[in-house]
Amino acid sequence: MRMNDLTVVDSIYLDAQQKEDVRRLSSLGYSSKDIAVSLGLSPEDVGLFVRDAETVGTSVNFLIREGILVARAAPEIKLHEAAEGGNVEAIKQLEAVRKRHTFERLIEQMDDDEFN
């Protein structure tokens, strides 16, 4: 059985406000433990939250990844808009960003290949 065949179940329930807080705090670079504490979770639930944060397929993991991505992408989107407007410096910077993303994807693929 492959990992993708397993059903992942969340260990903890978060309401809509807590989910938004997870996105926001992760976008600012806070650790999963710090986020859990800021949500006012019990010590036991902090452990469950941290475990879910590290488990691909859980809501907490997705919310954290989403928060990080949105924070990382926002300035790059503005850069893209400037490049589309003809800003030469933005075009150069955007090309560097694209090269970095390509490199990061290659590294991820190499890591995936190593474990498959």
Protein backbone atom coordinates (compact mmCIF):
# COMPACT_ATOMS: atom_id res chain seq x y z
CA MET A 1 0.00 0.00 0.00
CA ARG A 2 1.33 3.43 -0.92
CA MET A 3 1.15 6.45 1.37
CA ASN A 4 -1.36 8.07 -1.00
CA ASP A 5 -3.77 5.20 -0.41
CA LEU A 6 -4.17 6.04 3.27
CA THR A 7 -6.96 8.27 4.50
CA VAL A 8 -5.67 11.07 6.69
CA VAL A 9 -7.91 12.18 9.52
CA ASP A 10 -7.58 15.47 11.40
CA SER A 11 -6.78 15.07 15.09
CA ILE A 12 -8.17 18.45 16.06
CA TYR A 13 -11.12 20.65 15.09
CA LEU A 14 -10.57 24.31 14.28
CA ASP A 15 -13.34 26.85 13.81
CA ALA A 16 -13.28 29.41 10.99
CA GLN A 17 -11.52 32.09 13.07
CA GLN A 18 -8.85 29.66 14.24
CA LYS A 19 -8.25 28.55 10.64
CA GLU A 20 -7.74 32.15 9.59
CA ASP A 21 -5.36 32.67 12.53
CA VAL A 22 -3.35 29.61 11.45
CA ARG A 23 -3.03 31.01 7.91
CA ARG A 24 -2.04 34.46 9.16
CA LEU A 25 0.48 33.30 11.78
CA SER A 26 2.10 30.77 9.46
CA SER A 27 2.47 33.48 6.83
CA LEU A 28 4.47 35.43 9.41
CA GLY A 29 6.79 32.50 10.05
CA TYR A 30 5.56 31.30 13.44
CA SER A 31 6.21 27.67 14.37
CA SER A 32 3.32 25.22 14.57
CA LYS A 33 3.78 25.01 18.35
CA ASP A 34 3.63 28.79 18.72
CA ILE A 35 0.53 28.92 16.52
CA ALA A 36 -1.16 26.25 18.62
CA VAL A 37 -0.37 28.09 21.85
CA SER A 38 -1.67 31.36 20.39
CA LEU A 39 -4.95 29.62 19.58
CA GLY A 40 -5.36 28.88 23.29
CA LEU A 41 -5.26 25.10 22.86
CA SER A 42 -4.74 22.81 25.82
CA PRO A 43 -1.29 21.21 26.19
CA GLU A 44 -2.71 17.93 24.85
CA ASP A 45 -4.29 19.69 21.86
CA VAL A 46 -1.03 21.56 21.19
CA GLY A 47 0.62 18.16 20.67
CA LEU A 48 -2.17 17.05 18.34
CA PHE A 49 -1.94 20.32 16.42
CA VAL A 50 1.83 19.98 15.97
CA ARG A 51 1.42 16.39 14.80
CA ASP A 52 -1.26 17.43 12.30
CA ALA A 53 0.97 20.29 11.12
CA GLU A 54 3.61 17.72 10.18
CA THR A 55 1.17 15.29 8.55
CA VAL A 56 0.53 15.88 4.85
CA GLY A 57 -3.17 15.72 4.09
CA THR A 58 -4.47 17.20 7.34
CA SER A 59 -6.31 20.49 7.45
CA VAL A 60 -3.69 22.04 9.71
CA ASN A 61 -0.87 21.08 7.34
CA PHE A 62 -2.79 22.55 4.41
CA LEU A 63 -3.59 25.80 6.26
CA ILE A 64 0.05 26.29 7.22
CA ARG A 65 1.28 25.60 3.69
CA GLU A 66 -1.39 27.94 2.30
CA GLY A 67 -0.39 30.74 4.68
CA ILE A 68 3.27 30.39 3.79
CA LEU A 69 2.53 30.31 0.06
CA VAL A 70 0.27 33.36 0.12
CA ALA A 71 2.84 35.37 2.06
CA ARG A 72 5.63 34.30 -0.26
CA ALA A 73 3.63 34.85 -3.44
CA ALA A 74 2.15 38.28 -2.65
CA PRO A 75 5.31 40.31 -3.35
CA GLU A 76 6.08 38.14 -6.38
CA ILE A 77 2.63 38.88 -7.78
CA LYS A 78 3.28 42.62 -7.38
CA LEU A 79 6.64 42.13 -9.10
CA HIS A 80 4.89 40.32 -11.95
CA GLU A 81 2.42 43.19 -12.32
CA ALA A 82 5.29 45.68 -12.50
CA ALA A 83 7.05 43.52 -15.08
CA GLU A 84 3.90 43.34 -17.19
CA GLY A 85 3.84 47.14 -17.08
CA GLY A 86 7.27 47.24 -18.70
CA ASN A 87 9.43 47.90 -15.62
CA VAL A 88 12.82 46.63 -16.77
CA GLU A 89 14.20 46.10 -13.25
CA ALA A 90 11.06 44.12 -12.31
CA ILE A 91 11.49 41.97 -15.42
CA LYS A 92 15.05 41.14 -14.36
CA GLN A 93 14.01 40.39 -10.78
CA LEU A 94 11.10 38.25 -11.95
CA GLU A 95 13.45 36.17 -14.11
CA ALA A 96 15.62 35.56 -11.03
CA VAL A 97 12.50 34.50 -9.09
CA ARG A 98 11.52 32.09 -11.85
CA LYS A 99 14.99 30.55 -11.87
CA ARG A 100 14.85 30.12 -8.09
CA HIS A 101 11.45 28.42 -8.30
CA THR A 102 12.69 26.10 -11.04
CA PHE A 103 15.71 25.18 -8.91
CA GLU A 104 13.50 24.54 -5.86
CA ARG A 105 11.18 22.28 -7.88
CA LEU A 106 14.17 20.31 -9.19
CA ILE A 107 15.44 19.81 -5.64
CA GLU A 108 11.99 18.64 -4.53
CA GLN A 109 11.84 16.18 -7.43
CA MET A 110 15.30 14.85 -6.56
CA ASP A 111 14.18 14.36 -2.96
CA ASP A 112 11.00 12.62 -4.11
CA ASP A 113 12.99 10.34 -6.43
CA GLU A 114 15.34 9.43 -3.60
CA PHE A 115 12.48 8.15 -1.45
CA ASN A 116 10.45 6.42 -4.18
